[in-house]
Amino acid sequence: MRIRALTLEDYAPIIGVVDAWWGGRTMAAMLPRLFFIHFRDTSFVAKGQRRQQSGGVVPSSILCKGPDLCNGGSR
């Protein structure tokens, strides 16, 4: 299994299987393309070595606790 950063190109393959990952629940509507752009620096995708299909996604974001932490100290 290979883990790498999430990219916008991962959207189509993941959105095609996300409902199955959730046991048939309708989750695709809750995973917009914007997520794949906005959180790409802090999210990861796992890919199997035999298949190019995604094996899983680790979404992540960095929460800011003040303006100095969110923008590098500049205003």
N, C-alpha and C. Protein backbone atom coordinates (compact mmCIF):
# COMPACT_ATOMS: atom_id res chain seq x y z
N MET A 1 0.85 -1.17 0.00
CA MET A 1 0.00 0.00 0.00
C MET A 1 0.90 1.23 0.00
N ARG A 2 0.54 2.18 -0.85
CA ARG A 2 1.29 3.42 -0.95
C ARG A 2 0.41 4.57 -0.47
N ILE A 3 0.93 5.44 0.38
CA ILE A 3 0.19 6.59 0.88
C ILE A 3 0.81 7.84 0.27
N ARG A 4 -0.05 8.70 -0.26
CA ARG A 4 0.44 9.93 -0.88
C ARG A 4 -0.57 11.04 -0.64
N ALA A 5 -0.18 12.26 -0.98
CA ALA A 5 -1.05 13.42 -0.81
C ALA A 5 -2.28 13.31 -1.72
N LEU A 6 -3.38 13.78 -1.23
CA LEU A 6 -4.64 13.82 -1.99
C LEU A 6 -4.53 14.86 -3.10
N THR A 7 -5.06 14.56 -4.29
CA THR A 7 -5.09 15.51 -5.40
C THR A 7 -6.50 15.61 -5.95
N LEU A 8 -6.74 16.62 -6.74
CA LEU A 8 -8.05 16.78 -7.36
C LEU A 8 -8.37 15.61 -8.29
N GLU A 9 -7.35 14.99 -8.88
CA GLU A 9 -7.56 13.84 -9.76
C GLU A 9 -8.11 12.63 -9.00
N ASP A 10 -8.02 12.62 -7.68
CA ASP A 10 -8.55 11.53 -6.88
C ASP A 10 -10.06 11.62 -6.70
N TYR A 11 -10.63 12.77 -7.02
CA TYR A 11 -12.06 12.98 -6.77
C TYR A 11 -12.94 11.93 -7.45
N ALA A 12 -12.80 11.77 -8.76
CA ALA A 12 -13.68 10.86 -9.50
C ALA A 12 -13.60 9.42 -8.99
N PRO A 13 -12.39 8.84 -8.82
CA PRO A 13 -12.35 7.47 -8.33
C PRO A 13 -12.92 7.32 -6.91
N ILE A 14 -12.67 8.31 -6.07
CA ILE A 14 -13.15 8.21 -4.68
C ILE A 14 -14.64 8.42 -4.60
N ILE A 15 -15.15 9.41 -5.31
CA ILE A 15 -16.59 9.69 -5.25
C ILE A 15 -17.39 8.50 -5.80
N GLY A 16 -16.76 7.71 -6.68
CA GLY A 16 -17.43 6.53 -7.22
C GLY A 16 -17.55 5.38 -6.25
N VAL A 17 -16.77 5.38 -5.18
CA VAL A 17 -16.81 4.26 -4.22
C VAL A 17 -17.14 4.68 -2.79
N VAL A 18 -17.23 5.98 -2.54
CA VAL A 18 -17.42 6.43 -1.16
C VAL A 18 -18.72 5.91 -0.55
N ASP A 19 -19.78 5.81 -1.32
CA ASP A 19 -21.04 5.28 -0.77
C ASP A 19 -20.87 3.82 -0.34
N ALA A 20 -20.14 3.04 -1.11
CA ALA A 20 -19.88 1.64 -0.75
C ALA A 20 -19.03 1.56 0.51
N TRP A 21 -18.05 2.47 0.64
CA TRP A 21 -17.22 2.49 1.85
C TRP A 21 -18.07 2.72 3.09
N TRP A 22 -19.16 3.45 2.93
CA TRP A 22 -20.04 3.76 4.05
C TRP A 22 -21.23 2.79 4.11
N GLY A 23 -21.08 1.62 3.55
CA GLY A 23 -22.11 0.59 3.65
C GLY A 23 -23.37 0.91 2.87
N GLY A 24 -23.25 1.68 1.80
CA GLY A 24 -24.41 2.00 0.98
C GLY A 24 -25.10 3.30 1.35
N ARG A 25 -24.66 3.94 2.44
CA ARG A 25 -25.24 5.24 2.79
C ARG A 25 -24.85 6.26 1.73
N THR A 26 -25.71 7.21 1.47
CA THR A 26 -25.45 8.23 0.47
C THR A 26 -24.52 9.29 1.06
N MET A 27 -23.22 9.15 0.80
CA MET A 27 -22.22 10.07 1.33
C MET A 27 -21.57 10.93 0.25
N ALA A 28 -21.69 10.53 -1.01
CA ALA A 28 -21.02 11.25 -2.10
C ALA A 28 -21.44 12.72 -2.15
N ALA A 29 -22.69 12.98 -1.84
CA ALA A 29 -23.19 14.37 -1.87
C ALA A 29 -22.53 15.23 -0.79
N MET A 30 -21.98 14.59 0.23
CA MET A 30 -21.33 15.34 1.33
C MET A 30 -19.84 15.53 1.10
N LEU A 31 -19.33 15.10 -0.04
CA LEU A 31 -17.90 15.18 -0.32
C LEU A 31 -17.70 15.99 -1.61
N PRO A 32 -17.75 17.31 -1.51
CA PRO A 32 -17.63 18.14 -2.71
C PRO A 32 -16.19 18.19 -3.25
N ARG A 33 -16.06 18.53 -4.52
CA ARG A 33 -14.75 18.68 -5.15
C ARG A 33 -13.89 19.71 -4.41
N LEU A 34 -14.53 20.73 -3.85
CA LEU A 34 -13.80 21.77 -3.13
C LEU A 34 -12.96 21.19 -2.00
N PHE A 35 -13.44 20.14 -1.36
CA PHE A 35 -12.69 19.47 -0.30
C PHE A 35 -11.34 19.00 -0.82
N PHE A 36 -11.32 18.47 -2.05
CA PHE A 36 -10.10 17.94 -2.63
C PHE A 36 -9.11 19.04 -3.01
N ILE A 37 -9.59 20.26 -3.14
CA ILE A 37 -8.72 21.40 -3.40
C ILE A 37 -8.27 22.03 -2.08
N HIS A 38 -9.22 22.33 -1.23
CA HIS A 38 -8.94 23.08 0.00
C HIS A 38 -8.08 22.29 0.99
N PHE A 39 -8.30 20.99 1.12
CA PHE A 39 -7.59 20.19 2.11
C PHE A 39 -6.49 19.31 1.51
N ARG A 40 -6.08 19.57 0.30
CA ARG A 40 -5.09 18.70 -0.35
C ARG A 40 -3.74 18.70 0.35
N ASP A 41 -3.37 19.78 1.01
CA ASP A 41 -2.06 19.83 1.69
C ASP A 41 -2.03 19.04 2.99
N THR A 42 -3.20 18.69 3.51
CA THR A 42 -3.24 18.00 4.81
C THR A 42 -3.99 16.67 4.75
N SER A 43 -4.36 16.21 3.55
CA SER A 43 -5.11 14.96 3.41
C SER A 43 -4.33 13.96 2.56
N PHE A 44 -4.62 12.69 2.75
CA PHE A 44 -3.86 11.64 2.11
C PHE A 44 -4.78 10.57 1.53
N VAL A 45 -4.28 9.85 0.53
CA VAL A 45 -5.01 8.74 -0.07
C VAL A 45 -4.09 7.51 -0.04
N ALA A 46 -4.67 6.36 0.23
CA ALA A 46 -3.91 5.10 0.22
C ALA A 46 -4.28 4.34 -1.04
N LYS A 47 -3.28 3.88 -1.76
CA LYS A 47 -3.48 3.14 -3.01
C LYS A 47 -2.88 1.76 -2.88
N GLY A 48 -3.62 0.76 -3.35
CA GLY A 48 -3.10 -0.60 -3.39
C GLY A 48 -2.06 -0.74 -4.48
N GLN A 49 -1.12 -1.65 -4.31
CA GLN A 49 -0.06 -1.83 -5.30
C GLN A 49 -0.56 -2.60 -6.52
N ARG A 50 -1.50 -3.49 -6.35
CA ARG A 50 -1.99 -4.29 -7.48
C ARG A 50 -3.04 -3.56 -8.30
N ARG A 51 -3.80 -2.70 -7.67
CA ARG A 51 -4.88 -2.00 -8.36
C ARG A 51 -4.67 -0.50 -8.19
N GLN A 52 -5.09 0.25 -9.17
CA GLN A 52 -4.98 1.71 -9.09
C GLN A 52 -6.14 2.32 -8.30
N GLN A 53 -7.06 1.49 -7.86
CA GLN A 53 -8.20 1.97 -7.10
C GLN A 53 -7.77 2.44 -5.73
N SER A 54 -8.37 3.52 -5.24
CA SER A 54 -8.06 4.03 -3.91
C SER A 54 -8.46 3.03 -2.86
N GLY A 55 -7.62 2.88 -1.85
CA GLY A 55 -7.91 1.97 -0.76
C GLY A 55 -8.50 2.70 0.44
N GLY A 56 -8.32 3.99 0.50
CA GLY A 56 -8.85 4.77 1.60
C GLY A 56 -8.39 6.21 1.52
N VAL A 57 -9.03 7.06 2.30
CA VAL A 57 -8.70 8.48 2.33
C VAL A 57 -8.58 8.91 3.78
N VAL A 58 -7.58 9.72 4.07
CA VAL A 58 -7.40 10.29 5.41
C VAL A 58 -7.55 11.79 5.27
N PRO A 59 -8.76 12.31 5.53
CA PRO A 59 -8.96 13.75 5.44
C PRO A 59 -8.42 14.43 6.68
N SER A 60 -7.93 15.64 6.50
CA SER A 60 -7.35 16.35 7.63
C SER A 60 -7.37 17.84 7.34
N SER A 61 -7.39 18.62 8.39
CA SER A 61 -7.26 20.07 8.25
C SER A 61 -6.50 20.59 9.47
N ILE A 62 -5.94 21.76 9.33
CA ILE A 62 -5.23 22.40 10.42
C ILE A 62 -6.13 23.51 10.95
N LEU A 63 -6.45 23.44 12.21
CA LEU A 63 -7.30 24.45 12.83
C LEU A 63 -6.43 25.56 13.40
N CYS A 64 -6.86 26.77 13.20
CA CYS A 64 -6.11 27.92 13.71
C CYS A 64 -6.70 28.36 15.04
N LYS A 65 -5.84 28.77 15.94
CA LYS A 65 -6.30 29.24 17.24
C LYS A 65 -6.04 30.72 17.42
N GLY A 66 -5.85 31.41 16.35
CA GLY A 66 -5.64 32.86 16.42
C GLY A 66 -5.06 33.34 15.11
N PRO A 67 -5.21 34.64 14.84
CA PRO A 67 -4.75 35.18 13.56
C PRO A 67 -3.25 35.00 13.32
N ASP A 68 -2.45 35.02 14.37
CA ASP A 68 -1.00 34.87 14.20
C ASP A 68 -0.63 33.46 13.75
N LEU A 69 -1.43 32.47 14.12
CA LEU A 69 -1.14 31.08 13.72
C LEU A 69 -1.70 30.77 12.33
N CYS A 70 -2.75 31.43 11.93
CA CYS A 70 -3.41 31.12 10.67
C CYS A 70 -2.71 31.69 9.45
N ASN A 71 -2.06 32.80 9.59
CA ASN A 71 -1.49 33.42 8.40
C ASN A 71 -0.01 33.74 8.55
N GLY A 72 0.67 32.99 9.37
CA GLY A 72 2.12 33.17 9.51
C GLY A 72 2.52 34.42 10.24
N GLY A 73 1.60 35.04 10.97
CA GLY A 73 1.91 36.21 11.76
C GLY A 73 1.74 37.52 11.02
N SER A 74 1.43 37.49 9.73
CA SER A 74 1.22 38.74 8.99
C SER A 74 -0.26 39.04 8.89
N ARG A 75 -0.59 40.27 8.83
CA ARG A 75 -1.99 40.68 8.71
C ARG A 75 -2.24 41.35 7.43
